[in-house]
C-alpha atoms as a PDB file:
ATOM      1  CA  MET A   1       0.448  20.654  10.635  1.00  0.00           C
ATOM      2  CA  THR A   2      -1.864  23.646  10.809  1.00  0.00           C
ATOM      3  CA  LYS A   3      -4.440  24.287   8.151  1.00  0.00           C
ATOM      4  CA  ALA A   4      -2.637  27.459   7.058  1.00  0.00           C
ATOM      5  CA  PHE A   5       0.348  25.394   5.975  1.00  0.00           C
ATOM      6  CA  ASP A   6      -1.463  22.324   4.675  1.00  0.00           C
ATOM      7  CA  ALA A   7      -2.078  22.761   0.950  1.00  0.00           C
ATOM      8  CA  ASN A   8      -4.451  19.762   0.901  1.00  0.00           C
ATOM      9  CA  ALA A   9      -6.541  20.774   3.917  1.00  0.00           C
ATOM     10  CA  ASP A  10      -9.635  21.596   1.849  1.00  0.00           C
ATOM     11  CA  ASP A  11      -9.055  18.966  -0.825  1.00  0.00           C
ATOM     12  CA  PRO A  12     -11.519  16.063  -0.486  1.00  0.00           C
ATOM     13  CA  ALA A  13      -9.108  13.865  -2.431  1.00  0.00           C
ATOM     14  CA  SER A  14      -6.538  14.184   0.341  1.00  0.00           C
ATOM     15  CA  GLY A  15      -8.511  11.665   2.425  1.00  0.00           C
ATOM     16  CA  VAL A  16      -8.389   9.202  -0.454  1.00  0.00           C
ATOM     17  CA  ASN A  17      -4.651   9.801  -0.795  1.00  0.00           C
ATOM     18  CA  ASP A  18      -4.181   9.228   2.944  1.00  0.00           C
ATOM     19  CA  ALA A  19      -6.017   5.904   2.642  1.00  0.00           C
ATOM     20  CA  PHE A  20      -3.888   4.985  -0.375  1.00  0.00           C
ATOM     21  CA  PHE A  21      -0.647   5.732   1.444  1.00  0.00           C
ATOM     22  CA  GLU A  22      -1.879   3.741   4.442  1.00  0.00           C
ATOM     23  CA  LEU A  23      -2.591   0.829   2.083  1.00  0.00           C
ATOM     24  CA  ARG A  24       0.838   1.107   0.489  1.00  0.00           C
ATOM     25  CA  ASP A  25       2.568   1.217   3.862  1.00  0.00           C
ATOM     26  CA  ARG A  26       0.619  -1.836   5.016  1.00  0.00           C
ATOM     27  CA  ALA A  27       1.566  -3.681   1.807  1.00  0.00           C
ATOM     28  CA  TYR A  28       5.262  -3.068   2.514  1.00  0.00           C
ATOM     29  CA  THR A  29       4.786  -4.186   6.125  1.00  0.00           C
ATOM     30  CA  LEU A  30       3.169  -7.422   4.978  1.00  0.00           C
ATOM     31  CA  ALA A  31       5.888  -7.939   2.363  1.00  0.00           C
ATOM     32  CA  GLY A  32       8.564  -7.514   5.008  1.00  0.00           C
ATOM     33  CA  SER A  33       6.921 -10.061   7.291  1.00  0.00           C
ATOM     34  CA  GLY A  34       8.142 -12.986   5.191  1.00  0.00           C
ATOM     35  CA  ARG A  35       4.690 -14.600   5.133  1.00  0.00           C
ATOM     36  CA  TYR A  36       3.973 -13.777   1.481  1.00  0.00           C
ATOM     37  CA  LYS A  37       5.725 -14.774  -1.733  1.00  0.00           C
ATOM     38  CA  ARG A  38       4.342 -12.112  -4.066  1.00  0.00           C
ATOM     39  CA  TRP A  39       2.164  -9.045  -4.455  1.00  0.00           C
ATOM     40  CA  ALA A  40      -0.992 -10.973  -5.432  1.00  0.00           C
ATOM     41  CA  GLN A  41      -1.052 -12.704  -2.045  1.00  0.00           C
ATOM     42  CA  ILE A  42      -0.607  -9.374  -0.293  1.00  0.00           C
ATOM     43  CA  ALA A  43      -3.414  -7.838  -2.355  1.00  0.00           C
ATOM     44  CA  HIS A  44      -5.768 -10.590  -1.155  1.00  0.00           C
ATOM     45  CA  ALA A  45      -4.668 -10.041   2.438  1.00  0.00           C
ATOM     46  CA  LEU A  46      -5.274  -6.288   2.130  1.00  0.00           C
ATOM     47  CA  LEU A  47      -8.752  -6.929   0.770  1.00  0.00           C
ATOM     48  CA  ALA A  48      -9.443  -9.276   3.686  1.00  0.00           C
ATOM     49  CA  GLU A  49      -8.256  -6.548   6.077  1.00  0.00           C
ATOM     50  CA  GLY A  50     -10.925  -4.235   4.686  1.00  0.00           C
ATOM     51  CA  PHE A  51      -9.000  -1.987   2.325  1.00  0.00           C
ATOM     52  CA  LEU A  52     -11.005  -0.739  -0.642  1.00  0.00           C
ATOM     53  CA  LYS A  53     -10.625  -2.746  -3.839  1.00  0.00           C
ATOM     54  CA  ALA A  54     -10.260   0.504  -5.805  1.00  0.00           C
ATOM     55  CA  LEU A  55      -7.198   1.456  -3.756  1.00  0.00           C
ATOM     56  CA  ILE A  56      -5.675  -2.008  -4.192  1.00  0.00           C
ATOM     57  CA  THR A  57      -6.268  -1.736  -7.935  1.00  0.00           C
ATOM     58  CA  ARG A  58      -4.624   1.687  -7.942  1.00  0.00           C
ATOM     59  CA  LEU A  59      -1.521   0.244  -6.277  1.00  0.00           C
ATOM     60  CA  ASN A  60      -1.597  -2.742  -8.635  1.00  0.00           C
ATOM     61  CA  ARG A  61      -1.337  -0.357 -11.603  1.00  0.00           C
ATOM     62  CA  ASP A  62       1.905   1.070 -10.206  1.00  0.00           C
ATOM     63  CA  GLU A  63       4.359  -1.386 -11.746  1.00  0.00           C
ATOM     64  CA  LEU A  64       7.348   0.012  -9.865  1.00  0.00           C
ATOM     65  CA  ALA A  65       5.600  -0.304  -6.500  1.00  0.00           C
ATOM     66  CA  VAL A  66       4.512  -3.872  -7.289  1.00  0.00           C
ATOM     67  CA  MET A  67       8.080  -4.744  -8.303  1.00  0.00           C
ATOM     68  CA  MET A  68       9.435  -3.301  -5.045  1.00  0.00           C
ATOM     69  CA  ILE A  69       6.811  -5.122  -2.975  1.00  0.00           C
ATOM     70  CA  ASN A  70       7.702  -8.385  -4.707  1.00  0.00           C
ATOM     71  CA  ARG A  71      11.394  -7.745  -4.003  1.00  0.00           C
ATOM     72  CA  SER A  72      10.585  -7.068  -0.358  1.00  0.00           C
ATOM     73  CA  CYS A  73       8.791 -10.438  -0.240  1.00  0.00           C
ATOM     74  CA  VAL A  74      11.833 -12.219  -1.655  1.00  0.00           C
ATOM     75  CA  GLN A  75      14.241 -10.453   0.693  1.00  0.00           C
ATOM     76  CA  ALA A  76      12.114 -11.088   3.755  1.00  0.00           C
ATOM     77  CA  ARG A  77      11.779 -14.782   2.947  1.00  0.00           C
ATOM     78  CA  ALA A  78      15.549 -15.076   2.406  1.00  0.00           C
ATOM     79  CA  LYS A  79      16.287 -14.023   6.007  1.00  0.00           C
END
């Protein structure tokens, strides 16, 4: 996407948002692997992988996302 069309191109927070979305995507990937039973285990794994604790805390505060990650864990382990 060119800068002319990217509304967040000059926004310093966009880098933080990119990191957050990367964290969230990784959390869903880990949940789908079947190795984890719940979000708390994934949060520890993300921290061990080097993700910022502040970003993990931000995702933890999103109750809907945590519920969906937990459901993904259950579904992946049921396969």
